[in-house]
Structure formats: C-alpha cells, structure tokens
Amino acid sequence: MSGRPAPSRRTVLRSAAATPVVGLGLAACSPGDDGAAPVRPTAPVDLGADGEVAKGATKLFPDGNVVVSRAADGSLKAFSTVCTHAGCPIKKLRGTKLVCDCHGSEFDARTGEVLHAPATVPLVELPVAVKQGRIVASPGT
C-alpha cells in the first residue's frame, strides 16, 4: 500500500468532469482536419476588378481567405489569411496589419511576416495576377 491518501470522491468527480473540457480546448487550438480553413484556395479565386486595390493599398478579401497588396510600382502580392498558428481564418485588417481573433497573432499583410506571436510561421504566399481585368489568386504549390 502506498503512503498517499486515496483521493476523495469529490476530487475524482471533478477530474472526470474537467477532462472533456480540457479536450475541447486542446482541439480548438490544434490545426488539422477539424474544420480549420484550408491554407491555400483549392481553385483560382476571383477577387474582383483590378481597380479594387490601388497602388500602395492593401485589401482583405475575407470570403476567399486572401489579402492582396499593390506596391507603388503596381505589382501585386497575395497571401492566405489562414493563421499559421491554429488555422483560424483572419477577418481583421488594420492598415497593413492582419490580426487573428483566435489567439492574437499579427501579420504584415504586405510581406506575410509574423509581427506578434503565438504564430511563428509567416503566412503562405499565393500566386496572384490580373486576368481579363480581374484580380485572381491561385492555389500555387
């Protein structure tokens, strides 16, 4: 027999009740096939007319999980707005900063770089082009 006292009935019941809650919390924070948004679009995404993103501007396209910025020279860059920390879709753009509501990660919308943890991996860059006057982001590789 060990020298430890047996846990009370109350302790055992509390532990049993907390187990599912802890499991749900861990599942919500883990990436995977549990409903997290896909990191890349599965097909080309028409984001709208070419004029929707002016030179020097950045625009969030939340329905496509894409952010597009246009440099002063007119070139476009696009990034997936699926947070690299836990797979949450990012729906908030403040200036050129993307802010994830799930855990507070922040990214530069022009470069995809992480500005604030918990994310440590930059956003996934997507091929983007103007086709027939429309901005189109592609899945890439």
Protein backbone atom coordinates (compact mmCIF):
# COMPACT_ATOMS: atom_id res chain seq x y z
CA MET A 1 0.00 0.00 0.00
CA SER A 2 1.35 3.48 -0.89
CA GLY A 3 1.88 6.25 1.62
CA ARG A 4 -0.52 8.57 -0.27
CA PRO A 5 -4.09 9.05 0.90
CA ALA A 6 -6.81 7.95 -1.53
CA PRO A 7 -8.46 10.83 -3.42
CA SER A 8 -11.89 11.85 -2.19
CA ARG A 9 -14.98 11.11 -4.22
CA ARG A 10 -15.31 14.86 -4.91
CA THR A 11 -11.76 15.03 -6.36
CA VAL A 12 -12.42 12.07 -8.65
CA LEU A 13 -15.72 13.56 -9.91
CA ARG A 14 -14.15 16.99 -10.55
CA SER A 15 -11.34 15.41 -12.54
CA ALA A 16 -13.78 13.36 -14.60
CA ALA A 17 -15.92 16.44 -15.31
CA ALA A 18 -12.90 18.55 -16.37
CA THR A 19 -11.46 16.00 -18.82
CA PRO A 20 -13.91 16.70 -21.71
CA VAL A 21 -13.49 20.47 -21.27
CA VAL A 22 -9.69 20.23 -21.50
CA GLY A 23 -10.04 18.01 -24.56
CA LEU A 24 -12.27 20.58 -26.29
CA GLY A 25 -9.80 23.36 -25.51
CA LEU A 26 -6.92 21.39 -26.98
CA ALA A 27 -8.92 20.50 -30.08
CA ALA A 28 -9.83 24.15 -30.64
CA CYS A 29 -6.16 25.15 -30.60
CA SER A 30 -4.85 22.42 -32.85
CA PRO A 31 -4.64 22.60 -36.64
CA GLY A 32 -5.88 19.75 -38.77
CA ASP A 33 -8.94 18.35 -40.47
CA ASP A 34 -11.30 19.50 -37.73
CA GLY A 35 -12.90 22.37 -39.62
CA ALA A 36 -9.91 24.70 -39.86
CA ALA A 37 -9.83 26.74 -43.06
CA PRO A 38 -7.66 25.37 -45.88
CA VAL A 39 -4.33 27.21 -46.02
CA ARG A 40 -4.49 27.57 -49.82
CA PRO A 41 -7.50 28.00 -52.05
CA THR A 42 -8.37 24.79 -53.86
CA ALA A 43 -9.01 26.62 -57.15
CA PRO A 44 -8.34 30.10 -58.57
CA VAL A 45 -10.22 32.79 -56.65
CA ASP A 46 -11.65 35.82 -58.48
CA LEU A 47 -11.19 38.67 -56.02
CA GLY A 48 -12.76 41.43 -58.06
CA ALA A 49 -11.90 44.18 -60.51
CA ASP A 50 -8.28 45.19 -60.93
CA GLY A 51 -9.08 48.68 -59.65
CA GLU A 52 -10.21 47.40 -56.23
CA VAL A 53 -6.62 47.52 -54.92
CA ALA A 54 -4.99 50.89 -55.57
CA LYS A 55 -1.22 51.47 -55.71
CA GLY A 56 0.16 51.43 -52.17
CA ALA A 57 -3.04 49.87 -50.79
CA THR A 58 -3.87 46.57 -49.14
CA LYS A 59 -7.26 44.87 -49.21
CA LEU A 60 -8.64 41.90 -47.30
CA PHE A 61 -10.92 39.51 -49.17
CA PRO A 62 -12.39 37.55 -46.22
CA ASP A 63 -14.66 35.34 -48.32
CA GLY A 64 -11.63 34.00 -50.20
CA ASN A 65 -9.26 34.00 -47.18
CA VAL A 66 -6.85 36.17 -49.17
CA VAL A 67 -5.19 39.55 -48.65
CA VAL A 68 -3.77 41.48 -51.62
CA SER A 69 -1.41 44.44 -51.61
CA ARG A 70 -0.27 46.55 -54.54
CA ALA A 71 3.17 48.17 -54.43
CA ALA A 72 3.83 51.68 -55.72
CA ASP A 73 5.09 50.14 -58.99
CA GLY A 74 1.72 48.38 -59.49
CA SER A 75 2.91 44.83 -58.70
CA LEU A 76 0.59 42.63 -56.65
CA LYS A 77 1.29 40.28 -53.73
CA ALA A 78 -1.24 37.93 -52.17
CA PHE A 79 -1.21 35.85 -49.01
CA SER A 80 -3.54 33.32 -47.49
CA THR A 81 -5.28 34.80 -44.45
CA VAL A 82 -5.44 31.48 -42.64
CA CYS A 83 -3.44 31.90 -39.44
CA THR A 84 -0.39 29.67 -39.34
CA HIS A 85 -0.79 29.17 -35.60
CA ALA A 86 -4.10 27.30 -35.41
CA GLY A 87 -5.73 27.54 -38.82
CA CYS A 88 -8.27 30.25 -37.99
CA PRO A 89 -9.38 32.49 -40.86
CA ILE A 90 -8.21 36.06 -40.25
CA LYS A 91 -11.02 38.56 -40.76
CA LYS A 92 -9.44 41.77 -39.46
CA LEU A 93 -7.11 44.16 -41.35
CA ARG A 94 -5.87 47.29 -39.56
CA GLY A 95 -3.89 49.37 -42.05
CA THR A 96 -1.38 46.78 -43.26
CA LYS A 97 -1.61 44.55 -40.17
CA LEU A 98 -3.69 41.36 -40.15
CA VAL A 99 -4.99 40.44 -36.69
CA CYS A 100 -6.22 36.94 -35.85
CA ASP A 101 -9.12 36.97 -33.40
CA CYS A 102 -8.49 33.39 -32.24
CA HIS A 103 -5.24 33.87 -30.31
CA GLY A 104 -3.95 37.35 -31.19
CA SER A 105 -1.32 36.56 -33.82
CA GLU A 106 -0.48 39.51 -36.08
CA PHE A 107 1.00 39.53 -39.60
CA ASP A 108 2.25 42.13 -42.07
CA ALA A 109 -0.27 41.95 -44.92
CA ARG A 110 2.35 43.12 -47.46
CA THR A 111 5.01 40.52 -46.62
CA GLY A 112 3.19 37.77 -44.69
CA GLU A 113 5.75 38.06 -41.88
CA VAL A 114 4.74 37.43 -38.26
CA LEU A 115 4.55 40.63 -36.21
CA HIS A 116 3.18 39.16 -32.98
CA ALA A 117 3.09 35.60 -31.57
CA PRO A 118 1.77 32.99 -30.90
CA ALA A 119 2.23 32.36 -34.65
CA THR A 120 5.87 31.78 -35.60
CA VAL A 121 5.49 30.87 -39.29
CA PRO A 122 4.73 33.52 -41.96
CA LEU A 123 1.53 33.45 -43.99
CA VAL A 124 1.52 31.37 -47.17
CA GLU A 125 2.17 33.49 -50.28
CA LEU A 126 -0.19 32.86 -53.18
CA PRO A 127 0.37 33.46 -56.88
CA VAL A 128 -1.73 36.45 -57.97
CA ALA A 129 -2.30 38.02 -61.38
CA VAL A 130 -4.67 40.26 -63.26
CA LYS A 131 -6.61 38.24 -65.83
CA GLN A 132 -9.12 39.94 -68.10
CA GLY A 133 -9.27 42.94 -65.76
CA ARG A 134 -9.86 40.80 -62.64
CA ILE A 135 -7.52 40.05 -59.71
CA VAL A 136 -7.16 36.28 -59.43
CA ALA A 137 -5.30 34.41 -56.67
CA SER A 138 -4.27 30.83 -57.40
CA PRO A 139 -3.50 27.87 -55.13
CA GLY A 140 0.10 27.58 -56.30
CA THR A 141 2.23 24.76 -54.94
